[in-house]
């Protein structure tokens, strides 16, 4: 039942916004999880009194 509702919500969103569907990519959830971990870690460190500057290091 939940899958059907989700599909209907997607269809409704696409029809009401009149925007084409955009594939988010295979690594979408990995990127979201990474961003969440960074936000949580920064918040914890700031709560402990640290000033945090986040920079992505080149591989």
N, C-alpha and C. Protein backbone atom coordinates (compact mmCIF):
# COMPACT_ATOMS: atom_id res chain seq x y z
N UNK A 1 0.82 -1.19 0.00
CA UNK A 1 0.00 0.00 0.00
C UNK A 1 0.86 1.26 0.00
N UNK A 2 1.96 1.24 0.75
CA UNK A 2 2.82 2.42 0.83
C UNK A 2 3.48 2.72 -0.51
N UNK A 3 3.82 1.69 -1.26
CA UNK A 3 4.46 1.90 -2.56
C UNK A 3 3.49 2.58 -3.52
N UNK A 4 2.25 2.14 -3.52
CA UNK A 4 1.24 2.75 -4.38
C UNK A 4 1.02 4.21 -4.05
N UNK A 5 0.99 4.51 -2.76
CA UNK A 5 0.80 5.90 -2.35
C UNK A 5 1.99 6.76 -2.79
N UNK A 6 3.18 6.21 -2.65
CA UNK A 6 4.37 6.95 -3.06
C UNK A 6 4.36 7.24 -4.55
N UNK A 7 3.97 6.25 -5.34
CA UNK A 7 3.89 6.45 -6.79
C UNK A 7 2.86 7.52 -7.12
N UNK A 8 1.72 7.49 -6.45
CA UNK A 8 0.70 8.51 -6.69
C UNK A 8 1.19 9.91 -6.30
N UNK A 9 1.94 10.00 -5.21
CA UNK A 9 2.48 11.29 -4.79
C UNK A 9 3.46 11.83 -5.82
N UNK A 10 4.29 10.95 -6.37
CA UNK A 10 5.24 11.36 -7.40
C UNK A 10 4.50 11.86 -8.64
N UNK A 11 3.50 11.11 -9.06
CA UNK A 11 2.72 11.50 -10.24
C UNK A 11 2.04 12.85 -10.00
N UNK A 12 1.43 13.01 -8.84
CA UNK A 12 0.76 14.27 -8.51
C UNK A 12 1.76 15.43 -8.55
N UNK A 13 2.91 15.22 -7.95
CA UNK A 13 3.94 16.26 -7.93
C UNK A 13 4.35 16.65 -9.35
N UNK A 14 4.59 15.64 -10.19
CA UNK A 14 5.03 15.91 -11.56
C UNK A 14 3.95 16.63 -12.37
N UNK A 15 2.70 16.24 -12.18
CA UNK A 15 1.62 16.86 -12.95
C UNK A 15 1.31 18.28 -12.49
N UNK A 16 1.37 18.53 -11.19
CA UNK A 16 1.04 19.86 -10.69
C UNK A 16 2.16 20.86 -10.93
N UNK A 17 3.39 20.41 -10.95
CA UNK A 17 4.53 21.31 -11.16
C UNK A 17 4.85 21.49 -12.64
N UNK A 18 4.35 20.60 -13.46
CA UNK A 18 4.61 20.63 -14.91
C UNK A 18 6.11 20.70 -15.21
N UNK A 19 6.87 19.92 -14.45
CA UNK A 19 8.31 19.83 -14.64
C UNK A 19 8.65 18.42 -15.07
N UNK A 20 9.65 18.27 -15.93
CA UNK A 20 10.05 16.91 -16.31
C UNK A 20 10.74 16.21 -15.14
N UNK A 21 10.64 14.90 -15.15
CA UNK A 21 11.29 14.10 -14.11
C UNK A 21 12.79 14.21 -14.25
N UNK A 22 13.48 14.40 -13.14
CA UNK A 22 14.94 14.48 -13.15
C UNK A 22 15.49 13.35 -12.30
N UNK A 23 16.28 12.50 -12.92
CA UNK A 23 16.92 11.40 -12.19
C UNK A 23 17.94 11.99 -11.23
N UNK A 24 17.90 11.53 -9.99
CA UNK A 24 18.79 12.07 -8.97
C UNK A 24 20.17 11.44 -9.01
N UNK A 25 20.29 10.31 -9.64
CA UNK A 25 21.58 9.65 -9.75
C UNK A 25 21.69 8.47 -8.80
N UNK A 26 22.57 7.56 -9.14
CA UNK A 26 22.73 6.34 -8.35
C UNK A 26 23.32 6.62 -6.97
N UNK A 27 24.08 7.69 -6.84
CA UNK A 27 24.73 7.98 -5.57
C UNK A 27 24.01 9.07 -4.76
N UNK A 28 22.76 9.34 -5.10
CA UNK A 28 22.01 10.41 -4.42
C UNK A 28 21.95 10.19 -2.92
N UNK A 29 21.57 9.01 -2.48
CA UNK A 29 21.41 8.75 -1.05
C UNK A 29 22.75 8.75 -0.34
N UNK A 30 23.82 8.33 -1.02
CA UNK A 30 25.15 8.39 -0.42
C UNK A 30 25.55 9.84 -0.16
N UNK A 31 25.27 10.72 -1.12
CA UNK A 31 25.58 12.14 -0.94
C UNK A 31 24.75 12.74 0.19
N UNK A 32 23.48 12.37 0.26
CA UNK A 32 22.62 12.89 1.32
C UNK A 32 23.11 12.44 2.70
N UNK A 33 23.51 11.16 2.78
CA UNK A 33 23.99 10.62 4.05
C UNK A 33 25.28 11.32 4.47
N UNK A 34 26.17 11.56 3.51
CA UNK A 34 27.43 12.23 3.81
C UNK A 34 27.16 13.64 4.35
N UNK A 35 26.27 14.37 3.71
CA UNK A 35 25.95 15.73 4.15
C UNK A 35 25.34 15.71 5.55
N UNK A 36 24.51 14.73 5.84
CA UNK A 36 23.88 14.63 7.16
C UNK A 36 24.93 14.36 8.23
N UNK A 37 25.86 13.46 7.94
CA UNK A 37 26.91 13.14 8.90
C UNK A 37 27.76 14.37 9.19
N UNK A 38 28.09 15.14 8.15
CA UNK A 38 28.88 16.35 8.33
C UNK A 38 28.13 17.34 9.21
N UNK A 39 26.85 17.57 8.92
CA UNK A 39 26.05 18.51 9.72
C UNK A 39 25.98 18.08 11.18
N UNK A 40 25.74 16.79 11.41
CA UNK A 40 25.63 16.30 12.78
C UNK A 40 26.95 16.44 13.54
N UNK A 41 28.05 16.14 12.87
CA UNK A 41 29.36 16.21 13.51
C UNK A 41 29.72 17.65 13.84
N UNK A 42 29.46 18.56 12.92
CA UNK A 42 29.74 19.98 13.17
C UNK A 42 28.91 20.47 14.35
N UNK A 43 27.65 20.09 14.39
CA UNK A 43 26.77 20.52 15.48
C UNK A 43 27.27 20.01 16.83
N UNK A 44 27.72 18.76 16.87
CA UNK A 44 28.25 18.19 18.12
C UNK A 44 29.50 18.92 18.57
N UNK A 45 30.42 19.19 17.64
CA UNK A 45 31.65 19.89 17.99
C UNK A 45 31.37 21.31 18.45
N UNK A 46 30.45 22.00 17.78
CA UNK A 46 30.10 23.35 18.20
C UNK A 46 29.45 23.33 19.58
N UNK A 47 28.69 22.29 19.87
CA UNK A 47 28.10 22.14 21.19
C UNK A 47 29.13 21.95 22.28
N UNK A 48 30.28 21.42 21.90
CA UNK A 48 31.37 21.22 22.85
C UNK A 48 32.29 22.44 22.94
N UNK A 49 31.97 23.48 22.17
CA UNK A 49 32.72 24.72 22.25
C UNK A 49 33.77 24.92 21.17
N UNK A 50 33.79 24.07 20.17
CA UNK A 50 34.74 24.21 19.07
C UNK A 50 34.16 25.06 17.95
N UNK A 51 35.04 25.77 17.27
CA UNK A 51 34.65 26.49 16.06
C UNK A 51 35.09 25.63 14.89
N UNK A 52 34.17 25.30 14.02
CA UNK A 52 34.45 24.33 12.96
C UNK A 52 34.36 25.00 11.60
N UNK A 53 35.38 24.74 10.77
CA UNK A 53 35.38 25.18 9.38
C UNK A 53 35.51 23.91 8.55
N UNK A 54 34.52 23.63 7.72
CA UNK A 54 34.50 22.39 6.95
C UNK A 54 34.99 22.67 5.54
N UNK A 55 36.00 21.91 5.13
CA UNK A 55 36.52 22.00 3.76
C UNK A 55 36.68 20.59 3.23
N UNK A 56 36.28 20.37 2.01
CA UNK A 56 36.43 19.07 1.38
C UNK A 56 37.86 18.95 0.86
N UNK A 57 38.52 17.86 1.23
CA UNK A 57 39.90 17.63 0.81
C UNK A 57 39.89 16.89 -0.51
N UNK A 58 40.68 17.34 -1.45
CA UNK A 58 40.77 16.67 -2.75
C UNK A 58 41.37 15.28 -2.60
N UNK A 59 40.87 14.33 -3.37
CA UNK A 59 41.33 12.95 -3.24
C UNK A 59 42.64 12.71 -3.94
